[in-house]
Every structure is written in structure tokens, then in C-alpha cells.
Amino acid sequence: MALAVVETYADNMQAHIAKGLLEAHGIEATLLHDGFHSTYGSAIGEVPLMVDEENLVRAKEILNEEFTDSNFDSFSA
């Protein structure tokens, strides 16, 4: 099966949260260059979140419904 980019994230932490959300809904997801990005930070740009093409539409729906910027308004690290 071919992989497709469902979303890209500038923040590695948000990429992991989105990946976990999709996996909680039964959609296997992969972060491209995950280990490299965590080591070199923003040197390589955004982190692509990828899913099988057959899950692309559902994954986008899940992220649009449940993973919005407003979910992070009260978050601070």
C-alpha cells in the first residue's frame, strides 16, 4: 500500500499527538524522518504525518474534527 501525507507539523510534539490520535481511531500512521527531526529540530522543516492512501480521507476527517489549534490554547510546557 502506498503512503500519503495527511498533514505536516512544524512541531514534533504536535506530530506525535496527531499520530496517537489517528492510532487511537485504528489508523496506522507514520512520521517521516521522526528520529532525525527530534535530533536536529527545525533544521529539516516540517514533519510529515503519513497514512495508507485508503485511510487518507478518514484521517483528515479525524484531524479536522479533533485536532485543532484551539485544543492547544491552554497548553504550556
Protein backbone atom coordinates (compact mmCIF):
# COMPACT_ATOMS: atom_id res chain seq x y z
CA MET A 1 0.00 0.00 0.00
CA ALA A 2 1.17 3.49 -0.78
CA LEU A 3 1.59 6.12 1.89
CA ALA A 4 0.16 9.63 1.60
CA VAL A 5 0.82 12.76 3.65
CA VAL A 6 -2.26 13.58 5.70
CA GLU A 7 -0.75 16.65 7.41
CA THR A 8 2.58 18.28 8.19
CA TYR A 9 3.65 19.76 11.52
CA ALA A 10 6.40 22.21 12.40
CA ASP A 11 6.34 20.92 15.98
CA ASN A 12 7.50 17.35 16.60
CA MET A 13 5.31 17.08 19.72
CA GLN A 14 2.13 18.02 17.83
CA ALA A 15 3.05 15.50 15.13
CA HIS A 16 3.26 12.76 17.77
CA ILE A 17 -0.05 13.79 19.33
CA ALA A 18 -1.77 13.69 15.92
CA LYS A 19 -0.21 10.28 15.20
CA GLY A 20 -1.50 8.96 18.53
CA LEU A 21 -4.97 10.33 17.83
CA LEU A 22 -5.14 8.56 14.48
CA GLU A 23 -3.86 5.32 16.00
CA ALA A 24 -6.49 5.58 18.75
CA HIS A 25 -9.03 5.54 15.92
CA GLY A 26 -7.43 2.44 14.38
CA ILE A 27 -5.48 4.20 11.64
CA GLU A 28 -1.80 3.27 11.47
CA ALA A 29 0.32 6.39 10.98
CA THR A 30 4.00 7.13 10.37
CA LEU A 31 6.08 10.23 11.00
CA LEU A 32 8.62 10.73 8.23
CA HIS A 33 12.15 11.48 9.47
CA ASP A 34 10.92 11.32 13.07
CA GLY A 35 14.24 10.43 14.70
CA PHE A 36 16.18 12.89 12.58
CA HIS A 37 13.74 15.71 13.35
CA SER A 38 13.89 15.13 17.09
CA THR A 39 17.69 15.38 16.93
CA TYR A 40 18.06 18.33 14.59
CA GLY A 41 14.85 20.21 15.36
CA SER A 42 13.71 22.71 12.77
CA ALA A 43 16.79 22.20 10.58
CA ILE A 44 14.79 19.96 8.23
CA GLY A 45 11.48 21.82 8.36
CA GLU A 46 8.10 20.23 8.89
CA VAL A 47 7.36 16.68 10.00
CA PRO A 48 5.05 14.84 7.56
CA LEU A 49 2.39 12.58 9.11
CA MET A 50 1.64 9.74 6.71
CA VAL A 51 -1.11 7.12 6.42
CA ASP A 52 -2.08 4.49 3.88
CA GLU A 53 -3.85 6.12 0.92
CA GLU A 54 -7.00 4.13 1.69
CA ASN A 55 -7.20 5.83 5.12
CA LEU A 56 -6.40 9.35 3.92
CA VAL A 57 -9.93 10.77 3.83
CA ARG A 58 -10.90 9.37 7.24
CA ALA A 59 -7.61 10.51 8.78
CA LYS A 60 -8.18 14.07 7.54
CA GLU A 61 -11.71 13.99 8.96
CA ILE A 62 -10.43 12.87 12.36
CA LEU A 63 -7.72 15.52 12.48
CA ASN A 64 -10.11 18.26 11.33
CA GLU A 65 -12.70 17.29 13.96
CA GLU A 66 -10.47 16.52 16.93
CA PHE A 67 -7.05 18.08 16.41
CA THR A 68 -7.36 21.85 16.12
CA ASP A 69 -5.24 24.75 17.30
CA SER A 70 -7.91 25.57 19.89
CA ASN A 71 -7.13 22.26 21.60
CA PHE A 72 -3.70 23.71 22.47
CA ASP A 73 -4.75 27.19 23.60
CA SER A 74 -4.41 26.31 27.29
CA PHE A 75 -1.36 24.05 26.82
CA SER A 76 2.01 25.17 28.05
CA ALA A 77 5.20 23.22 28.55
